[in-house]
């Protein structure tokens, strides 16, 4: 199964059935997911029970499947013997959450801004250095599909090989070409001179590669440089001044909220007489009800998450002068 639809006539993911060899994203909860290759006889075991791959084959993506507590199958699971998970089709967004981290990666908030500000559309040619874990690369490929190309470069041979294997597994080989090259020291290959619509840099010294970027981009092409430190941004911007315009830097700080059901406990009439809570915050029993019983109801709680991801890096965009 390909993560990015390459044929407009192919069935939407929601109409496709899971087959042996497919990669599925097993969704336990919003912060607990994993990528699993489906194989006959395979078994996944987690806190929700035992899940047999044979039960997944033939089901549509998005299915809710039940596990068992060591045996008894689906019937026992439905009767309370185990929990459940959802089987999701891999997408660039989900892949970012489940991929193996070989390096620090870009996450969805940064990726969305990169794709938008690089002005990527189907058919674009994009150059990227370095590849890292391939988190951004998959989203770049989806943006330029089905006829565009992403040429990604990494100086580390093993990282490049692992990324290439991931792209092949996800059906992206026709969109992504992985190269081993020290772009910071050697620049981009001359074969791409004047052909790139956009360039993305994730390098410790991006200013060393910026002269090469200027020769790779088409007129009015866009560069994005990602750096974790503001000193790197300052030196990169200084190097951009000679050939680039419209230089701007962004830092994305994402704040997520927790949304869940909570039980609200009502008080008895006796508690209400002496309780310290203001009248507005008490939930009294109705006339005729057993006043000695405690009533419960639920409400939706919305609050900022107790843990939040802070600074990831700075995104600097610039446009090649015409």
C-alpha atoms as a PDB file:
ATOM      1  CA  UNK A   1       0.000   0.000   0.000  1.00  0.00           C
ATOM      2  CA  UNK A   2       1.267   3.469  -0.866  1.00  0.00           C
ATOM      3  CA  UNK A   3       1.025   6.263   1.678  1.00  0.00           C
ATOM      4  CA  UNK A   4       0.366   8.782  -1.119  1.00  0.00           C
ATOM      5  CA  UNK A   5      -2.251   8.116  -3.851  1.00  0.00           C
ATOM      6  CA  UNK A   6      -0.416   8.107  -7.184  1.00  0.00           C
ATOM      7  CA  UNK A   7      -3.302   7.048  -9.414  1.00  0.00           C
ATOM      8  CA  UNK A   8      -6.408   9.313  -9.368  1.00  0.00           C
ATOM      9  CA  UNK A   9      -8.539   6.312 -10.360  1.00  0.00           C
ATOM     10  CA  UNK A  10      -7.475   4.219  -7.349  1.00  0.00           C
ATOM     11  CA  UNK A  11      -9.940   3.595  -4.557  1.00  0.00           C
ATOM     12  CA  UNK A  12      -9.959   5.967  -1.582  1.00  0.00           C
ATOM     13  CA  UNK A  13      -8.330   4.537   1.527  1.00  0.00           C
ATOM     14  CA  UNK A  14     -11.731   4.233   3.228  1.00  0.00           C
ATOM     15  CA  UNK A  15     -12.812   1.756   0.516  1.00  0.00           C
ATOM     16  CA  UNK A  16      -9.654  -0.379   0.583  1.00  0.00           C
ATOM     17  CA  UNK A  17      -9.343  -3.601   2.498  1.00  0.00           C
ATOM     18  CA  UNK A  18      -6.306  -4.521   4.567  1.00  0.00           C
ATOM     19  CA  UNK A  19      -4.158  -7.193   2.905  1.00  0.00           C
ATOM     20  CA  UNK A  20      -1.105  -9.134   3.999  1.00  0.00           C
ATOM     21  CA  UNK A  21       2.018  -6.976   3.689  1.00  0.00           C
ATOM     22  CA  UNK A  22       0.196  -3.689   4.330  1.00  0.00           C
ATOM     23  CA  UNK A  23       1.459  -1.306   6.975  1.00  0.00           C
ATOM     24  CA  UNK A  24      -1.274  -0.242   9.380  1.00  0.00           C
ATOM     25  CA  UNK A  25      -1.123   2.327  12.157  1.00  0.00           C
ATOM     26  CA  UNK A  26      -2.529   0.708  15.292  1.00  0.00           C
ATOM     27  CA  UNK A  27      -4.255   3.497  17.210  1.00  0.00           C
ATOM     28  CA  UNK A  28      -4.662   2.926  20.936  1.00  0.00           C
ATOM     29  CA  UNK A  29      -5.156   6.570  21.913  1.00  0.00           C
ATOM     30  CA  UNK A  30      -4.008   9.969  20.640  1.00  0.00           C
ATOM     31  CA  UNK A  31      -0.585   9.602  22.248  1.00  0.00           C
ATOM     32  CA  UNK A  32      -0.146   5.836  21.760  1.00  0.00           C
ATOM     33  CA  UNK A  33       0.181   4.554  18.187  1.00  0.00           C
ATOM     34  CA  UNK A  34       2.498   2.171  16.374  1.00  0.00           C
ATOM     35  CA  UNK A  35       3.141   1.046  12.801  1.00  0.00           C
ATOM     36  CA  UNK A  36       2.630  -2.684  12.229  1.00  0.00           C
ATOM     37  CA  UNK A  37       3.320  -4.741   9.096  1.00  0.00           C
ATOM     38  CA  UNK A  38       0.428  -7.165   8.604  1.00  0.00           C
ATOM     39  CA  UNK A  39       1.442 -10.801   8.148  1.00  0.00           C
ATOM     40  CA  UNK A  40      -0.458 -14.083   8.254  1.00  0.00           C
ATOM     41  CA  UNK A  41      -0.136 -15.640  11.689  1.00  0.00           C
ATOM     42  CA  UNK A  42       1.191 -12.404  13.195  1.00  0.00           C
ATOM     43  CA  UNK A  43       0.173 -11.321  16.690  1.00  0.00           C
ATOM     44  CA  UNK A  44       0.186  -7.936  18.406  1.00  0.00           C
ATOM     45  CA  UNK A  45       0.053  -7.900  22.182  1.00  0.00           C
ATOM     46  CA  UNK A  46      -0.468  -4.739  24.204  1.00  0.00           C
ATOM     47  CA  UNK A  47      -2.263  -3.538  27.316  1.00  0.00           C
ATOM     48  CA  UNK A  48      -5.621  -3.955  25.587  1.00  0.00           C
ATOM     49  CA  UNK A  49      -5.181  -7.631  24.823  1.00  0.00           C
ATOM     50  CA  UNK A  50      -3.953  -9.982  22.124  1.00  0.00           C
ATOM     51  CA  UNK A  51      -4.700  -9.047  18.494  1.00  0.00           C
ATOM     52  CA  UNK A  52      -4.253 -11.535  15.671  1.00  0.00           C
ATOM     53  CA  UNK A  53      -3.314 -10.174  12.253  1.00  0.00           C
ATOM     54  CA  UNK A  54      -5.495 -12.835  10.606  1.00  0.00           C
ATOM     55  CA  UNK A  55      -8.515 -11.028  12.082  1.00  0.00           C
ATOM     56  CA  UNK A  56      -7.404  -7.793  10.385  1.00  0.00           C
ATOM     57  CA  UNK A  57      -6.969  -9.118   6.862  1.00  0.00           C
ATOM     58  CA  UNK A  58     -10.014  -8.322   4.732  1.00  0.00           C
ATOM     59  CA  UNK A  59     -11.258  -5.521   6.982  1.00  0.00           C
ATOM     60  CA  UNK A  60     -11.426  -1.914   5.707  1.00  0.00           C
ATOM     61  CA  UNK A  61      -8.937   0.645   7.007  1.00  0.00           C
ATOM     62  CA  UNK A  62     -10.385   2.502   9.980  1.00  0.00           C
ATOM     63  CA  UNK A  63     -11.882  -0.654  11.493  1.00  0.00           C
ATOM     64  CA  UNK A  64     -12.278  -1.079  15.232  1.00  0.00           C
ATOM     65  CA  UNK A  65     -10.989  -4.514  16.246  1.00  0.00           C
ATOM     66  CA  UNK A  66     -11.250  -6.293  19.570  1.00  0.00           C
ATOM     67  CA  UNK A  67      -8.540  -8.236  21.322  1.00  0.00           C
ATOM     68  CA  UNK A  68      -8.651 -11.157  23.685  1.00  0.00           C
ATOM     69  CA  UNK A  69      -7.055 -11.837  27.047  1.00  0.00           C
ATOM     70  CA  UNK A  70      -4.815 -14.645  25.876  1.00  0.00           C
ATOM     71  CA  UNK A  71      -7.556 -16.605  24.178  1.00  0.00           C
ATOM     72  CA  UNK A  72     -11.243 -16.795  23.399  1.00  0.00           C
ATOM     73  CA  UNK A  73     -11.148 -14.732  20.203  1.00  0.00           C
ATOM     74  CA  UNK A  74     -13.403 -11.863  19.272  1.00  0.00           C
ATOM     75  CA  UNK A  75     -16.467 -13.276  21.002  1.00  0.00           C
ATOM     76  CA  UNK A  76     -14.712 -13.218  24.355  1.00  0.00           C
ATOM     77  CA  UNK A  77     -13.315  -9.748  23.662  1.00  0.00           C
ATOM     78  CA  UNK A  78     -16.723  -8.325  22.889  1.00  0.00           C
ATOM     79  CA  UNK A  79     -18.026  -9.858  26.081  1.00  0.00           C
ATOM     80  CA  UNK A  80     -15.452  -7.933  28.072  1.00  0.00           C
ATOM     81  CA  UNK A  81     -12.408 -10.200  27.792  1.00  0.00           C
ATOM     82  CA  UNK A  82     -10.216  -7.556  26.116  1.00  0.00           C
ATOM     83  CA  UNK A  83     -10.034  -4.039  24.774  1.00  0.00           C
ATOM     84  CA  UNK A  84      -9.939  -2.639  21.247  1.00  0.00           C
ATOM     85  CA  UNK A  85      -7.787  -0.639  18.841  1.00  0.00           C
ATOM     86  CA  UNK A  86      -8.377   1.084  15.507  1.00  0.00           C
ATOM     87  CA  UNK A  87      -6.527   0.109  12.332  1.00  0.00           C
ATOM     88  CA  UNK A  88      -5.649   3.284  10.425  1.00  0.00           C
ATOM     89  CA  UNK A  89      -4.121   3.763   7.006  1.00  0.00           C
ATOM     90  CA  UNK A  90      -0.664   5.369   7.166  1.00  0.00           C
ATOM     91  CA  UNK A  91      -0.527   9.034   6.161  1.00  0.00           C
ATOM     92  CA  UNK A  92       2.410  11.475   6.332  1.00  0.00           C
ATOM     93  CA  UNK A  93       0.896  12.962   9.500  1.00  0.00           C
ATOM     94  CA  UNK A  94       0.510   9.584  11.221  1.00  0.00           C
ATOM     95  CA  UNK A  95       3.906   8.406   9.984  1.00  0.00           C
ATOM     96  CA  UNK A  96       5.510  11.405  11.729  1.00  0.00           C
ATOM     97  CA  UNK A  97       4.059  10.093  15.010  1.00  0.00           C
ATOM     98  CA  UNK A  98       5.120   6.449  14.627  1.00  0.00           C
ATOM     99  CA  UNK A  99       8.386   6.449  12.658  1.00  0.00           C
ATOM    100  CA  UNK A 100      11.714   5.339  14.127  1.00  0.00           C
ATOM    101  CA  UNK A 101      13.697   8.359  15.332  1.00  0.00           C
ATOM    102  CA  UNK A 102      17.188   8.280  13.892  1.00  0.00           C
ATOM    103  CA  UNK A 103      17.492  12.039  14.401  1.00  0.00           C
ATOM    104  CA  UNK A 104      15.389  14.829  15.857  1.00  0.00           C
ATOM    105  CA  UNK A 105      12.389  15.289  13.547  1.00  0.00           C
ATOM    106  CA  UNK A 106      10.033  18.020  12.434  1.00  0.00           C
ATOM    107  CA  UNK A 107       6.465  17.654  13.682  1.00  0.00           C
ATOM    108  CA  UNK A 108       3.153  18.480  12.062  1.00  0.00           C
ATOM    109  CA  UNK A 109       2.954  22.164  13.071  1.00  0.00           C
ATOM    110  CA  UNK A 110       6.337  22.990  11.539  1.00  0.00           C
ATOM    111  CA  UNK A 111       5.760  20.711   8.544  1.00  0.00           C
ATOM    112  CA  UNK A 112       2.475  22.386   7.612  1.00  0.00           C
ATOM    113  CA  UNK A 113       4.110  25.826   7.561  1.00  0.00           C
ATOM    114  CA  UNK A 114       7.035  24.528   5.503  1.00  0.00           C
ATOM    115  CA  UNK A 115       4.771  22.991   2.853  1.00  0.00           C
ATOM    116  CA  UNK A 116       2.641  26.141   2.674  1.00  0.00           C
ATOM    117  CA  UNK A 117       5.468  28.697   2.513  1.00  0.00           C
ATOM    118  CA  UNK A 118       7.490  26.676   0.005  1.00  0.00           C
ATOM    119  CA  UNK A 119       4.397  27.028  -2.225  1.00  0.00           C
ATOM    120  CA  UNK A 120       4.444  23.353  -3.178  1.00  0.00           C
ATOM    121  CA  UNK A 121       1.955  22.042  -5.729  1.00  0.00           C
ATOM    122  CA  UNK A 122       1.782  18.814  -7.747  1.00  0.00           C
ATOM    123  CA  UNK A 123       4.684  18.603 -10.180  1.00  0.00           C
ATOM    124  CA  UNK A 124       7.229  20.633  -8.182  1.00  0.00           C
ATOM    125  CA  UNK A 125      10.861  19.601  -7.811  1.00  0.00           C
ATOM    126  CA  UNK A 126      12.143  19.889  -4.231  1.00  0.00           C
ATOM    127  CA  UNK A 127      15.682  19.501  -2.866  1.00  0.00           C
ATOM    128  CA  UNK A 128      16.121  18.599   0.816  1.00  0.00           C
ATOM    129  CA  UNK A 129      19.211  18.303   3.017  1.00  0.00           C
ATOM    130  CA  UNK A 130      19.410  16.418   5.361  1.00  0.00           C
ATOM    131  CA  UNK A 131      17.016  13.526   5.221  1.00  0.00           C
ATOM    132  CA  UNK A 132      17.262  12.469   8.875  1.00  0.00           C
ATOM    133  CA  UNK A 133      14.346  10.235   9.837  1.00  0.00           C
ATOM    134  CA  UNK A 134      12.273  11.242   6.804  1.00  0.00           C
ATOM    135  CA  UNK A 135       9.426  12.920   8.696  1.00  0.00           C
ATOM    136  CA  UNK A 136       9.295  16.030   6.499  1.00  0.00           C
ATOM    137  CA  UNK A 137      10.239  14.132   3.337  1.00  0.00           C
ATOM    138  CA  UNK A 138       6.991  12.133   3.276  1.00  0.00           C
ATOM    139  CA  UNK A 139       4.905  15.317   3.481  1.00  0.00           C
ATOM    140  CA  UNK A 140       6.979  16.961   0.729  1.00  0.00           C
ATOM    141  CA  UNK A 141       6.326  13.915  -1.468  1.00  0.00           C
ATOM    142  CA  UNK A 142       2.575  14.079  -0.861  1.00  0.00           C
ATOM    143  CA  UNK A 143       2.543  17.792  -1.737  1.00  0.00           C
ATOM    144  CA  UNK A 144       4.251  17.306  -5.135  1.00  0.00           C
ATOM    145  CA  UNK A 145       2.576  13.985  -6.085  1.00  0.00           C
ATOM    146  CA  UNK A 146       1.818  12.403  -8.466  1.00  0.00           C
ATOM    147  CA  UNK A 147       4.339  13.816 -10.985  1.00  0.00           C
ATOM    148  CA  UNK A 148       6.727  15.856  -8.822  1.00  0.00           C
ATOM    149  CA  UNK A 149      10.034  14.772  -7.310  1.00  0.00           C
ATOM    150  CA  UNK A 150      11.822  15.115  -3.976  1.00  0.00           C
ATOM    151  CA  UNK A 151      15.607  14.682  -4.032  1.00  0.00           C
ATOM    152  CA  UNK A 152      16.776  14.306  -0.447  1.00  0.00           C
ATOM    153  CA  UNK A 153      20.402  14.246   0.710  1.00  0.00           C
ATOM    154  CA  UNK A 154      22.095  13.028   3.876  1.00  0.00           C
ATOM    155  CA  UNK A 155      25.826  12.738   4.585  1.00  0.00           C
ATOM    156  CA  UNK A 156      25.288   9.689   6.848  1.00  0.00           C
ATOM    157  CA  UNK A 157      25.182   6.529   4.735  1.00  0.00           C
ATOM    158  CA  UNK A 158      23.303   4.322   7.216  1.00  0.00           C
ATOM    159  CA  UNK A 159      20.651   6.981   7.880  1.00  0.00           C
ATOM    160  CA  UNK A 160      20.142   7.405   4.144  1.00  0.00           C
ATOM    161  CA  UNK A 161      19.769   3.632   3.706  1.00  0.00           C
ATOM    162  CA  UNK A 162      17.229   3.385   6.547  1.00  0.00           C
ATOM    163  CA  UNK A 163      15.216   6.296   5.130  1.00  0.00           C
ATOM    164  CA  UNK A 164      15.266   4.720   1.658  1.00  0.00           C
ATOM    165  CA  UNK A 165      13.930   1.469   3.145  1.00  0.00           C
ATOM    166  CA  UNK A 166      11.081   3.340   4.867  1.00  0.00           C
ATOM    167  CA  UNK A 167      10.136   5.143   1.648  1.00  0.00           C
ATOM    168  CA  UNK A 168      10.104   1.874  -0.288  1.00  0.00           C
ATOM    169  CA  UNK A 169       7.946   0.239   2.383  1.00  0.00           C
ATOM    170  CA  UNK A 170       5.458   3.111   2.164  1.00  0.00           C
ATOM    171  CA  UNK A 171       5.302   3.093  -1.639  1.00  0.00           C
ATOM    172  CA  UNK A 172       7.081   6.440  -2.101  1.00  0.00           C
ATOM    173  CA  UNK A 173      10.083   5.340  -4.182  1.00  0.00           C
ATOM    174  CA  UNK A 174       8.676   6.862  -7.371  1.00  0.00           C
ATOM    175  CA  UNK A 175       8.490  10.282  -5.684  1.00  0.00           C
ATOM    176  CA  UNK A 176      11.607  10.328  -3.485  1.00  0.00           C
ATOM    177  CA  UNK A 177      15.250   9.834  -4.445  1.00  0.00           C
ATOM    178  CA  UNK A 178      17.651   9.381  -1.531  1.00  0.00           C
ATOM    179  CA  UNK A 179      21.280  10.447  -2.009  1.00  0.00           C
ATOM    180  CA  UNK A 180      24.378  10.246   0.194  1.00  0.00           C
ATOM    181  CA  UNK A 181      26.139  13.606  -0.013  1.00  0.00           C
ATOM    182  CA  UNK A 182      27.622  16.278   2.232  1.00  0.00           C
ATOM    183  CA  UNK A 183      25.660  19.240   0.887  1.00  0.00           C
ATOM    184  CA  UNK A 184      27.119  21.513   3.548  1.00  0.00           C
ATOM    185  CA  UNK A 185      30.613  20.869   2.212  1.00  0.00           C
ATOM    186  CA  UNK A 186      29.990  20.035  -1.462  1.00  0.00           C
ATOM    187  CA  UNK A 187      26.757  21.818  -2.311  1.00  0.00           C
ATOM    188  CA  UNK A 188      23.940  20.248  -4.322  1.00  0.00           C
ATOM    189  CA  UNK A 189      24.737  18.312  -7.526  1.00  0.00           C
ATOM    190  CA  UNK A 190      25.064  20.460 -10.650  1.00  0.00           C
ATOM    191  CA  UNK A 191      22.444  18.341 -12.432  1.00  0.00           C
ATOM    192  CA  UNK A 192      19.746  20.226 -10.489  1.00  0.00           C
ATOM    193  CA  UNK A 193      21.085  23.673 -11.386  1.00  0.00           C
ATOM    194  CA  UNK A 194      18.199  26.089 -12.046  1.00  0.00           C
ATOM    195  CA  UNK A 195      15.621  23.266 -11.833  1.00  0.00           C
ATOM    196  CA  UNK A 196      14.375  23.338  -8.212  1.00  0.00           C
ATOM    197  CA  UNK A 197      11.120  25.015  -7.255  1.00  0.00           C
ATOM    198  CA  UNK A 198      12.013  24.876  -3.561  1.00  0.00           C
ATOM    199  CA  UNK A 199      14.889  23.899  -1.259  1.00  0.00           C
ATOM    200  CA  UNK A 200      14.783  22.863   2.391  1.00  0.00           C
ATOM    201  CA  UNK A 201      17.872  22.872   4.619  1.00  0.00           C
ATOM    202  CA  UNK A 202      18.242  21.191   8.007  1.00  0.00           C
ATOM    203  CA  UNK A 203      21.980  21.606   8.569  1.00  0.00           C
ATOM    204  CA  UNK A 204      24.179  22.687  11.496  1.00  0.00           C
ATOM    205  CA  UNK A 205      25.846  25.339   9.286  1.00  0.00           C
ATOM    206  CA  UNK A 206      23.252  26.220   6.645  1.00  0.00           C
ATOM    207  CA  UNK A 207      25.111  29.370   5.555  1.00  0.00           C
ATOM    208  CA  UNK A 208      27.732  27.172   3.909  1.00  0.00           C
ATOM    209  CA  UNK A 209      25.107  25.652   1.568  1.00  0.00           C
ATOM    210  CA  UNK A 210      23.206  28.858   0.713  1.00  0.00           C
ATOM    211  CA  UNK A 211      25.400  29.839  -2.279  1.00  0.00           C
ATOM    212  CA  UNK A 212      24.660  26.413  -3.798  1.00  0.00           C
ATOM    213  CA  UNK A 213      20.952  26.853  -3.092  1.00  0.00           C
ATOM    214  CA  UNK A 214      20.953  30.099  -5.088  1.00  0.00           C
ATOM    215  CA  UNK A 215      22.198  28.273  -8.177  1.00  0.00           C
ATOM    216  CA  UNK A 216      19.743  25.369  -7.775  1.00  0.00           C
ATOM    217  CA  UNK A 217      16.529  27.392  -7.519  1.00  0.00           C
ATOM    218  CA  UNK A 218      14.420  28.598 -10.405  1.00  0.00           C
ATOM    219  CA  UNK A 219      13.788  32.330 -10.569  1.00  0.00           C
ATOM    220  CA  UNK A 220      11.439  33.284  -7.725  1.00  0.00           C
ATOM    221  CA  UNK A 221      12.073  29.902  -6.030  1.00  0.00           C
ATOM    222  CA  UNK A 222      11.784  29.609  -2.237  1.00  0.00           C
ATOM    223  CA  UNK A 223      14.295  28.464   0.376  1.00  0.00           C
ATOM    224  CA  UNK A 224      13.507  27.282   3.914  1.00  0.00           C
ATOM    225  CA  UNK A 225      16.215  26.747   6.533  1.00  0.00           C
ATOM    226  CA  UNK A 226      15.452  25.022   9.847  1.00  0.00           C
ATOM    227  CA  UNK A 227      17.726  25.773  12.813  1.00  0.00           C
ATOM    228  CA  UNK A 228      17.314  25.142  16.561  1.00  0.00           C
ATOM    229  CA  UNK A 229      19.494  28.105  17.641  1.00  0.00           C
ATOM    230  CA  UNK A 230      18.987  31.802  16.927  1.00  0.00           C
ATOM    231  CA  UNK A 231      22.728  32.266  16.288  1.00  0.00           C
ATOM    232  CA  UNK A 232      22.418  29.857  13.346  1.00  0.00           C
ATOM    233  CA  UNK A 233      19.483  31.899  12.050  1.00  0.00           C
ATOM    234  CA  UNK A 234      21.485  35.127  12.224  1.00  0.00           C
ATOM    235  CA  UNK A 235      24.397  33.741  10.202  1.00  0.00           C
ATOM    236  CA  UNK A 236      22.060  32.115   7.663  1.00  0.00           C
ATOM    237  CA  UNK A 237      20.150  35.373   7.142  1.00  0.00           C
ATOM    238  CA  UNK A 238      23.416  37.230   6.634  1.00  0.00           C
ATOM    239  CA  UNK A 239      24.376  34.769   3.894  1.00  0.00           C
ATOM    240  CA  UNK A 240      20.939  35.094   2.247  1.00  0.00           C
ATOM    241  CA  UNK A 241      21.144  38.869   1.821  1.00  0.00           C
ATOM    242  CA  UNK A 242      23.255  38.722  -1.347  1.00  0.00           C
ATOM    243  CA  UNK A 243      20.841  36.660  -3.466  1.00  0.00           C
ATOM    244  CA  UNK A 244      17.531  36.465  -1.592  1.00  0.00           C
ATOM    245  CA  UNK A 245      14.706  38.766  -0.632  1.00  0.00           C
ATOM    246  CA  UNK A 246      11.558  38.585   1.542  1.00  0.00           C
ATOM    247  CA  UNK A 247      13.557  36.960   4.361  1.00  0.00           C
ATOM    248  CA  UNK A 248      11.393  36.075   7.357  1.00  0.00           C
ATOM    249  CA  UNK A 249      11.750  33.787  10.387  1.00  0.00           C
ATOM    250  CA  UNK A 250       9.044  31.971  12.350  1.00  0.00           C
ATOM    251  CA  UNK A 251       8.925  30.053  15.614  1.00  0.00           C
ATOM    252  CA  UNK A 252       5.845  27.873  16.145  1.00  0.00           C
ATOM    253  CA  UNK A 253       4.755  27.241  19.727  1.00  0.00           C
ATOM    254  CA  UNK A 254       1.925  24.708  19.834  1.00  0.00           C
ATOM    255  CA  UNK A 255      -0.508  24.526  22.744  1.00  0.00           C
ATOM    256  CA  UNK A 256      -2.807  21.510  22.829  1.00  0.00           C
ATOM    257  CA  UNK A 257      -5.887  20.983  24.965  1.00  0.00           C
ATOM    258  CA  UNK A 258      -7.207  17.892  26.683  1.00  0.00           C
ATOM    259  CA  UNK A 259     -10.871  17.097  26.049  1.00  0.00           C
ATOM    260  CA  UNK A 260     -12.463  14.294  28.083  1.00  0.00           C
ATOM    261  CA  UNK A 261     -15.535  13.200  30.008  1.00  0.00           C
ATOM    262  CA  UNK A 262     -15.412  13.674  33.774  1.00  0.00           C
ATOM    263  CA  UNK A 263     -17.830  12.446  36.399  1.00  0.00           C
ATOM    264  CA  UNK A 264     -19.526  15.102  38.505  1.00  0.00           C
ATOM    265  CA  UNK A 265     -20.628  14.016  41.948  1.00  0.00           C
ATOM    266  CA  UNK A 266     -23.794  15.588  43.341  1.00  0.00           C
ATOM    267  CA  UNK A 267     -24.234  16.095  47.061  1.00  0.00           C
ATOM    268  CA  UNK A 268     -27.029  14.854  49.317  1.00  0.00           C
ATOM    269  CA  UNK A 269     -29.442  17.259  50.975  1.00  0.00           C
ATOM    270  CA  UNK A 270     -27.669  16.784  54.310  1.00  0.00           C
ATOM    271  CA  UNK A 271     -24.326  17.747  52.756  1.00  0.00           C
ATOM    272  CA  UNK A 272     -25.950  20.725  51.109  1.00  0.00           C
ATOM    273  CA  UNK A 273     -27.006  22.166  54.481  1.00  0.00           C
ATOM    274  CA  UNK A 274     -23.490  22.337  55.834  1.00  0.00           C
ATOM    275  CA  UNK A 275     -21.360  22.198  52.698  1.00  0.00           C
ATOM    276  CA  UNK A 276     -18.899  25.023  52.107  1.00  0.00           C
ATOM    277  CA  UNK A 277     -19.521  25.252  48.346  1.00  0.00           C
ATOM    278  CA  UNK A 278     -21.517  28.204  46.987  1.00  0.00           C
ATOM    279  CA  UNK A 279     -25.094  27.493  45.924  1.00  0.00           C
ATOM    280  CA  UNK A 280     -24.254  27.800  42.194  1.00  0.00           C
ATOM    281  CA  UNK A 281     -21.760  24.946  42.360  1.00  0.00           C
ATOM    282  CA  UNK A 282     -24.015  22.451  44.197  1.00  0.00           C
ATOM    283  CA  UNK A 283     -26.134  19.847  42.433  1.00  0.00           C
ATOM    284  CA  UNK A 284     -29.027  19.017  44.758  1.00  0.00           C
ATOM    285  CA  UNK A 285     -31.348  16.050  44.458  1.00  0.00           C
ATOM    286  CA  UNK A 286     -34.799  16.678  43.072  1.00  0.00           C
ATOM    287  CA  UNK A 287     -37.875  16.519  45.303  1.00  0.00           C
ATOM    288  CA  UNK A 288     -39.087  12.970  45.798  1.00  0.00           C
ATOM    289  CA  UNK A 289     -35.668  11.400  45.210  1.00  0.00           C
ATOM    290  CA  UNK A 290     -33.896   9.406  47.886  1.00  0.00           C
ATOM    291  CA  UNK A 291     -31.904  12.147  49.607  1.00  0.00           C
ATOM    292  CA  UNK A 292     -29.491   9.655  51.077  1.00  0.00           C
ATOM    293  CA  UNK A 293     -28.233   8.579  47.635  1.00  0.00           C
ATOM    294  CA  UNK A 294     -25.405  10.264  45.829  1.00  0.00           C
ATOM    295  CA  UNK A 295     -26.159  11.146  42.217  1.00  0.00           C
ATOM    296  CA  UNK A 296     -23.539  11.250  39.451  1.00  0.00           C
ATOM    297  CA  UNK A 297     -23.501  12.900  36.058  1.00  0.00           C
ATOM    298  CA  UNK A 298     -20.793  13.705  33.549  1.00  0.00           C
ATOM    299  CA  UNK A 299     -19.512  16.781  31.804  1.00  0.00           C
ATOM    300  CA  UNK A 300     -16.910  17.629  29.193  1.00  0.00           C
ATOM    301  CA  UNK A 301     -13.651  18.949  30.612  1.00  0.00           C
ATOM    302  CA  UNK A 302     -11.467  21.128  28.352  1.00  0.00           C
ATOM    303  CA  UNK A 303      -8.102  22.285  29.676  1.00  0.00           C
ATOM    304  CA  UNK A 304      -4.524  22.783  28.493  1.00  0.00           C
ATOM    305  CA  UNK A 305      -2.475  19.586  28.563  1.00  0.00           C
ATOM    306  CA  UNK A 306      -0.201  19.279  31.570  1.00  0.00           C
ATOM    307  CA  UNK A 307       2.779  18.645  29.298  1.00  0.00           C
ATOM    308  CA  UNK A 308       3.423  20.735  26.207  1.00  0.00           C
ATOM    309  CA  UNK A 309       6.164  20.618  23.584  1.00  0.00           C
ATOM    310  CA  UNK A 310       8.168  23.790  23.648  1.00  0.00           C
ATOM    311  CA  UNK A 311      10.629  25.201  21.172  1.00  0.00           C
ATOM    312  CA  UNK A 312      11.632  22.901  18.306  1.00  0.00           C
ATOM    313  CA  UNK A 313      13.419  25.323  16.024  1.00  0.00           C
ATOM    314  CA  UNK A 314      13.264  28.404  13.827  1.00  0.00           C
ATOM    315  CA  UNK A 315      12.026  28.345  10.232  1.00  0.00           C
ATOM    316  CA  UNK A 316      13.590  30.966   7.970  1.00  0.00           C
ATOM    317  CA  UNK A 317      12.103  31.498   4.512  1.00  0.00           C
ATOM    318  CA  UNK A 318      13.572  33.534   1.668  1.00  0.00           C
ATOM    319  CA  UNK A 319      12.803  34.065  -2.024  1.00  0.00           C
ATOM    320  CA  UNK A 320      15.460  34.079  -4.726  1.00  0.00           C
ATOM    321  CA  UNK A 321      15.818  37.533  -6.236  1.00  0.00           C
ATOM    322  CA  UNK A 322      14.584  37.752  -9.835  1.00  0.00           C
END
